[in-house]
Amino acid sequence: MVKFYSVQIKDHVEVDESEVEVVTMENGRKAAKAEVVRDGKTLKLFKFLSEEDAQRLSGASE
């Protein structure tokens, strides 16, 4: 599980690792991106990742 913070609902949201996409930003830093539906709202979640988390999540999605 990956823990995000949603500014829209002002609460922490846990998302299964299989639903998380690892993206590389323009500056080369890795980030996690997910989209979930919670209480009828579609939440677009984004989180910067450490190198260890990026490697772990990249391996899980392959």
PDB file of N, CA and C in Angstrom:
ATOM      1  N   MET A   1       0.836  -1.178   0.000  1.00  0.00           N
ATOM      2  CA  MET A   1       0.000   0.000   0.000  1.00  0.00           C
ATOM      3  C   MET A   1       0.888   1.251   0.000  1.00  0.00           C
ATOM      4  N   VAL A   2       0.472   2.233  -0.779  1.00  0.00           N
ATOM      5  CA  VAL A   2       1.169   3.502  -0.842  1.00  0.00           C
ATOM      6  C   VAL A   2       0.252   4.549  -0.214  1.00  0.00           C
ATOM      7  N   LYS A   3       0.818   5.339   0.676  1.00  0.00           N
ATOM      8  CA  LYS A   3       0.026   6.329   1.399  1.00  0.00           C
ATOM      9  C   LYS A   3       0.221   7.701   0.756  1.00  0.00           C
ATOM     10  N   PHE A   4      -0.872   8.288   0.272  1.00  0.00           N
ATOM     11  CA  PHE A   4      -0.883   9.618  -0.312  1.00  0.00           C
ATOM     12  C   PHE A   4      -1.620  10.551   0.641  1.00  0.00           C
ATOM     13  N   TYR A   5      -1.444  11.854   0.463  1.00  0.00           N
ATOM     14  CA  TYR A   5      -2.256  12.832   1.175  1.00  0.00           C
ATOM     15  C   TYR A   5      -3.046  13.600   0.133  1.00  0.00           C
ATOM     16  N   SER A   6      -4.363  13.621   0.277  1.00  0.00           N
ATOM     17  CA  SER A   6      -5.221  14.330  -0.649  1.00  0.00           C
ATOM     18  C   SER A   6      -5.559  15.702  -0.084  1.00  0.00           C
ATOM     19  N   VAL A   7      -5.178  16.731  -0.797  1.00  0.00           N
ATOM     20  CA  VAL A   7      -5.503  18.096  -0.390  1.00  0.00           C
ATOM     21  C   VAL A   7      -6.997  18.341  -0.576  1.00  0.00           C
ATOM     22  N   GLN A   8      -7.588  17.676  -1.550  1.00  0.00           N
ATOM     23  CA  GLN A   8      -9.001  17.878  -1.858  1.00  0.00           C
ATOM     24  C   GLN A   8      -9.901  17.446  -0.695  1.00  0.00           C
ATOM     25  N   ILE A   9      -9.608  16.304  -0.074  1.00  0.00           N
ATOM     26  CA  ILE A   9     -10.445  15.836   1.042  1.00  0.00           C
ATOM     27  C   ILE A   9      -9.757  16.016   2.388  1.00  0.00           C
ATOM     28  N   LYS A  10      -8.513  16.533   2.360  1.00  0.00           N
ATOM     29  CA  LYS A  10      -7.723  16.805   3.572  1.00  0.00           C
ATOM     30  C   LYS A  10      -7.583  15.574   4.468  1.00  0.00           C
ATOM     31  N   ASP A  11      -7.195  14.468   3.845  1.00  0.00           N
ATOM     32  CA  ASP A  11      -7.021  13.217   4.582  1.00  0.00           C
ATOM     33  C   ASP A  11      -6.029  12.329   3.836  1.00  0.00           C
ATOM     34  N   HIS A  12      -5.483  11.359   4.551  1.00  0.00           N
ATOM     35  CA  HIS A  12      -4.581  10.386   3.944  1.00  0.00           C
ATOM     36  C   HIS A  12      -5.399   9.330   3.217  1.00  0.00           C
ATOM     37  N   VAL A  13      -4.870   8.876   2.077  1.00  0.00           N
ATOM     38  CA  VAL A  13      -5.525   7.865   1.259  1.00  0.00           C
ATOM     39  C   VAL A  13      -4.503   6.782   0.964  1.00  0.00           C
ATOM     40  N   GLU A  14      -4.857   5.531   1.232  1.00  0.00           N
ATOM     41  CA  GLU A  14      -3.976   4.412   0.914  1.00  0.00           C
ATOM     42  C   GLU A  14      -4.442   3.769  -0.390  1.00  0.00           C
ATOM     43  N   VAL A  15      -3.490   3.545  -1.286  1.00  0.00           N
ATOM     44  CA  VAL A  15      -3.779   2.994  -2.601  1.00  0.00           C
ATOM     45  C   VAL A  15      -2.935   1.746  -2.781  1.00  0.00           C
ATOM     46  N   ASP A  16      -3.527   0.698  -3.342  1.00  0.00           N
ATOM     47  CA  ASP A  16      -2.801  -0.541  -3.597  1.00  0.00           C
ATOM     48  C   ASP A  16      -1.685  -0.287  -4.612  1.00  0.00           C
ATOM     49  N   GLU A  17      -0.571  -0.940  -4.422  1.00  0.00           N
ATOM     50  CA  GLU A  17       0.597  -0.733  -5.282  1.00  0.00           C
ATOM     51  C   GLU A  17       0.315  -1.065  -6.745  1.00  0.00           C
ATOM     52  N   SER A  18      -0.624  -1.959  -7.020  1.00  0.00           N
ATOM     53  CA  SER A  18      -0.934  -2.315  -8.407  1.00  0.00           C
ATOM     54  C   SER A  18      -1.644  -1.180  -9.144  1.00  0.00           C
ATOM     55  N   GLU A  19      -2.206  -0.213  -8.419  1.00  0.00           N
ATOM     56  CA  GLU A  19      -2.917   0.912  -9.033  1.00  0.00           C
ATOM     57  C   GLU A  19      -2.047   2.159  -9.148  1.00  0.00           C
ATOM     58  N   VAL A  20      -0.790   2.065  -8.713  1.00  0.00           N
ATOM     59  CA  VAL A  20       0.107   3.215  -8.700  1.00  0.00           C
ATOM     60  C   VAL A  20       1.009   3.163  -9.923  1.00  0.00           C
ATOM     61  N   GLU A  21       1.147   4.307 -10.592  1.00  0.00           N
ATOM     62  CA  GLU A  21       2.031   4.421 -11.745  1.00  0.00           C
ATOM     63  C   GLU A  21       3.249   5.245 -11.332  1.00  0.00           C
ATOM     64  N   VAL A  22       4.439   4.757 -11.650  1.00  0.00           N
ATOM     65  CA  VAL A  22       5.669   5.493 -11.351  1.00  0.00           C
ATOM     66  C   VAL A  22       6.036   6.297 -12.596  1.00  0.00           C
ATOM     67  N   VAL A  23       6.173   7.600 -12.434  1.00  0.00           N
ATOM     68  CA  VAL A  23       6.512   8.487 -13.547  1.00  0.00           C
ATOM     69  C   VAL A  23       7.820   9.198 -13.232  1.00  0.00           C
ATOM     70  N   THR A  24       8.512   9.626 -14.289  1.00  0.00           N
ATOM     71  CA  THR A  24       9.738  10.402 -14.139  1.00  0.00           C
ATOM     72  C   THR A  24       9.432  11.832 -14.567  1.00  0.00           C
ATOM     73  N   MET A  25       9.707  12.768 -13.680  1.00  0.00           N
ATOM     74  CA  MET A  25       9.442  14.172 -13.973  1.00  0.00           C
ATOM     75  C   MET A  25      10.555  14.734 -14.852  1.00  0.00           C
ATOM     76  N   GLU A  26      10.367  15.950 -15.330  1.00  0.00           N
ATOM     77  CA  GLU A  26      11.338  16.570 -16.226  1.00  0.00           C
ATOM     78  C   GLU A  26      12.722  16.688 -15.601  1.00  0.00           C
ATOM     79  N   ASN A  27      12.792  16.859 -14.285  1.00  0.00           N
ATOM     80  CA  ASN A  27      14.086  17.011 -13.626  1.00  0.00           C
ATOM     81  C   ASN A  27      14.727  15.664 -13.276  1.00  0.00           C
ATOM     82  N   GLY A  28      14.094  14.548 -13.662  1.00  0.00           N
ATOM     83  CA  GLY A  28      14.653  13.226 -13.438  1.00  0.00           C
ATOM     84  C   GLY A  28      14.209  12.561 -12.149  1.00  0.00           C
ATOM     85  N   ARG A  29      13.458  13.265 -11.337  1.00  0.00           N
ATOM     86  CA  ARG A  29      12.999  12.703 -10.065  1.00  0.00           C
ATOM     87  C   ARG A  29      11.782  11.794 -10.287  1.00  0.00           C
ATOM     88  N   LYS A  30      11.703  10.714  -9.532  1.00  0.00           N
ATOM     89  CA  LYS A  30      10.599   9.758  -9.649  1.00  0.00           C
ATOM     90  C   LYS A  30       9.426  10.186  -8.763  1.00  0.00           C
ATOM     91  N   ALA A  31       8.221   9.891  -9.230  1.00  0.00           N
ATOM     92  CA  ALA A  31       7.021  10.227  -8.475  1.00  0.00           C
ATOM     93  C   ALA A  31       5.977   9.144  -8.699  1.00  0.00           C
ATOM     94  N   ALA A  32       5.070   9.018  -7.739  1.00  0.00           N
ATOM     95  CA  ALA A  32       3.960   8.062  -7.848  1.00  0.00           C
ATOM     96  C   ALA A  32       2.717   8.846  -8.214  1.00  0.00           C
ATOM     97  N   LYS A  33       1.913   8.252  -9.094  1.00  0.00           N
ATOM     98  CA  LYS A  33       0.701   8.900  -9.555  1.00  0.00           C
ATOM     99  C   LYS A  33      -0.423   7.873  -9.500  1.00  0.00           C
ATOM    100  N   ALA A  34      -1.568   8.284  -8.989  1.00  0.00           N
ATOM    101  CA  ALA A  34      -2.711   7.372  -8.903  1.00  0.00           C
ATOM    102  C   ALA A  34      -3.994   8.164  -9.021  1.00  0.00           C
ATOM    103  N   GLU A  35      -5.037   7.479  -9.442  1.00  0.00           N
ATOM    104  CA  GLU A  35      -6.360   8.082  -9.545  1.00  0.00           C
ATOM    105  C   GLU A  35      -7.355   7.102  -8.934  1.00  0.00           C
ATOM    106  N   VAL A  36      -8.065   7.539  -7.898  1.00  0.00           N
ATOM    107  CA  VAL A  36      -9.019   6.678  -7.210  1.00  0.00           C
ATOM    108  C   VAL A  36     -10.339   7.417  -7.008  1.00  0.00           C
ATOM    109  N   VAL A  37     -11.396   6.648  -6.823  1.00  0.00           N
ATOM    110  CA  VAL A  37     -12.704   7.218  -6.525  1.00  0.00           C
ATOM    111  C   VAL A  37     -12.975   6.990  -5.045  1.00  0.00           C
ATOM    112  N   ARG A  38     -13.235   8.066  -4.330  1.00  0.00           N
ATOM    113  CA  ARG A  38     -13.495   7.993  -2.896  1.00  0.00           C
ATOM    114  C   ARG A  38     -14.703   8.869  -2.595  1.00  0.00           C
ATOM    115  N   ASP A  39     -15.757   8.291  -2.041  1.00  0.00           N
ATOM    116  CA  ASP A  39     -16.985   9.007  -1.688  1.00  0.00           C
ATOM    117  C   ASP A  39     -17.581   9.741  -2.884  1.00  0.00           C
ATOM    118  N   GLY A  40     -17.524   9.121  -4.057  1.00  0.00           N
ATOM    119  CA  GLY A  40     -18.107   9.710  -5.257  1.00  0.00           C
ATOM    120  C   GLY A  40     -17.237  10.751  -5.937  1.00  0.00           C
ATOM    121  N   LYS A  41     -16.061  11.037  -5.398  1.00  0.00           N
ATOM    122  CA  LYS A  41     -15.148  12.010  -5.992  1.00  0.00           C
ATOM    123  C   LYS A  41     -13.949  11.284  -6.592  1.00  0.00           C
ATOM    124  N   THR A  42     -13.522  11.709  -7.754  1.00  0.00           N
ATOM    125  CA  THR A  42     -12.317  11.164  -8.357  1.00  0.00           C
ATOM    126  C   THR A  42     -11.137  11.979  -7.851  1.00  0.00           C
ATOM    127  N   LEU A  43     -10.226  11.313  -7.169  1.00  0.00           N
ATOM    128  CA  LEU A  43      -9.058  11.970  -6.602  1.00  0.00           C
ATOM    129  C   LEU A  43      -7.832  11.651  -7.445  1.00  0.00           C
ATOM    130  N   LYS A  44      -7.140  12.690  -7.887  1.00  0.00           N
ATOM    131  CA  LYS A  44      -5.876  12.518  -8.593  1.00  0.00           C
ATOM    132  C   LYS A  44      -4.782  12.757  -7.566  1.00  0.00           C
ATOM    133  N   LEU A  45      -4.016  11.707  -7.285  1.00  0.00           N
ATOM    134  CA  LEU A  45      -3.016  11.754  -6.224  1.00  0.00           C
ATOM    135  C   LEU A  45      -1.614  11.722  -6.813  1.00  0.00           C
ATOM    136  N   PHE A  46      -0.696  12.443  -6.163  1.00  0.00           N
ATOM    137  CA  PHE A  46       0.672  12.562  -6.635  1.00  0.00           C
ATOM    138  C   PHE A  46       1.587  12.600  -5.426  1.00  0.00           C
ATOM    139  N   LYS A  47       2.722  11.899  -5.518  1.00  0.00           N
ATOM    140  CA  LYS A  47       3.650  11.852  -4.393  1.00  0.00           C
ATOM    141  C   LYS A  47       5.068  11.669  -4.910  1.00  0.00           C
ATOM    142  N   PHE A  48       5.999  12.479  -4.396  1.00  0.00           N
ATOM    143  CA  PHE A  48       7.406  12.295  -4.713  1.00  0.00           C
ATOM    144  C   PHE A  48       7.900  11.032  -4.015  1.00  0.00           C
ATOM    145  N   LEU A  49       8.814  10.316  -4.675  1.00  0.00           N
ATOM    146  CA  LEU A  49       9.312   9.057  -4.126  1.00  0.00           C
ATOM    147  C   LEU A  49      10.802   9.124  -3.843  1.00  0.00           C
ATOM    148  N   SER A  50      11.211   8.378  -2.824  1.00  0.00           N
ATOM    149  CA  SER A  50      12.639   8.189  -2.582  1.00  0.00           C
ATOM    150  C   SER A  50      13.132   7.166  -3.611  1.00  0.00           C
ATOM    151  N   GLU A  51      14.434   7.050  -3.738  1.00  0.00           N
ATOM    152  CA  GLU A  51      15.003   6.086  -4.683  1.00  0.00           C
ATOM    153  C   GLU A  51      14.585   4.657  -4.342  1.00  0.00           C
ATOM    154  N   GLU A  52      14.572   4.320  -3.046  1.00  0.00           N
ATOM    155  CA  GLU A  52      14.191   2.965  -2.622  1.00  0.00           C
ATOM    156  C   GLU A  52      12.725   2.672  -2.969  1.00  0.00           C
ATOM    157  N   ASP A  53      11.840   3.621  -2.683  1.00  0.00           N
ATOM    158  CA  ASP A  53      10.425   3.427  -2.993  1.00  0.00           C
ATOM    159  C   ASP A  53      10.192   3.338  -4.494  1.00  0.00           C
ATOM    160  N   ALA A  54      10.903   4.144  -5.268  1.00  0.00           N
ATOM    161  CA  ALA A  54      10.753   4.131  -6.731  1.00  0.00           C
ATOM    162  C   ALA A  54      11.165   2.780  -7.289  1.00  0.00           C
ATOM    163  N   GLN A  55      12.268   2.221  -6.799  1.00  0.00           N
ATOM    164  CA  GLN A  55      12.715   0.910  -7.271  1.00  0.00           C
ATOM    165  C   GLN A  55      11.730  -0.186  -6.871  1.00  0.00           C
ATOM    166  N   ARG A  56      11.225  -0.113  -5.642  1.00  0.00           N
ATOM    167  CA  ARG A  56      10.275  -1.124  -5.160  1.00  0.00           C
ATOM    168  C   ARG A  56       8.982  -1.091  -5.986  1.00  0.00           C
ATOM    169  N   LEU A  57       8.461   0.106  -6.239  1.00  0.00           N
ATOM    170  CA  LEU A  57       7.221   0.223  -6.986  1.00  0.00           C
ATOM    171  C   LEU A  57       7.395  -0.090  -8.461  1.00  0.00           C
ATOM    172  N   SER A  58       8.536   0.255  -9.018  1.00  0.00           N
ATOM    173  CA  SER A  58       8.799  -0.056 -10.420  1.00  0.00           C
ATOM    174  C   SER A  58       8.878  -1.561 -10.620  1.00  0.00           C
ATOM    175  N   GLY A  59       9.468  -2.266  -9.675  1.00  0.00           N
ATOM    176  CA  GLY A  59       9.561  -3.717  -9.745  1.00  0.00           C
ATOM    177  C   GLY A  59       8.212  -4.377  -9.573  1.00  0.00           C
ATOM    178  N   ALA A  60       7.331  -3.780  -8.760  1.00  0.00           N
ATOM    179  CA  ALA A  60       6.012  -4.361  -8.504  1.00  0.00           C
ATOM    180  C   ALA A  60       5.100  -4.221  -9.714  1.00  0.00           C
ATOM    181  N   SER A  61       5.277  -3.168 -10.515  1.00  0.00           N
ATOM    182  CA  SER A  61       4.373  -2.945 -11.641  1.00  0.00           C
ATOM    183  C   SER A  61       4.784  -3.711 -12.874  1.00  0.00           C
ATOM    184  N   GLU A  62       6.006  -4.265 -12.894  1.00  0.00           N
ATOM    185  CA  GLU A  62       6.463  -5.014 -14.070  1.00  0.00           C
ATOM    186  C   GLU A  62       6.068  -6.470 -13.989  1.00  0.00           C
TER     187      GLU A  62
END
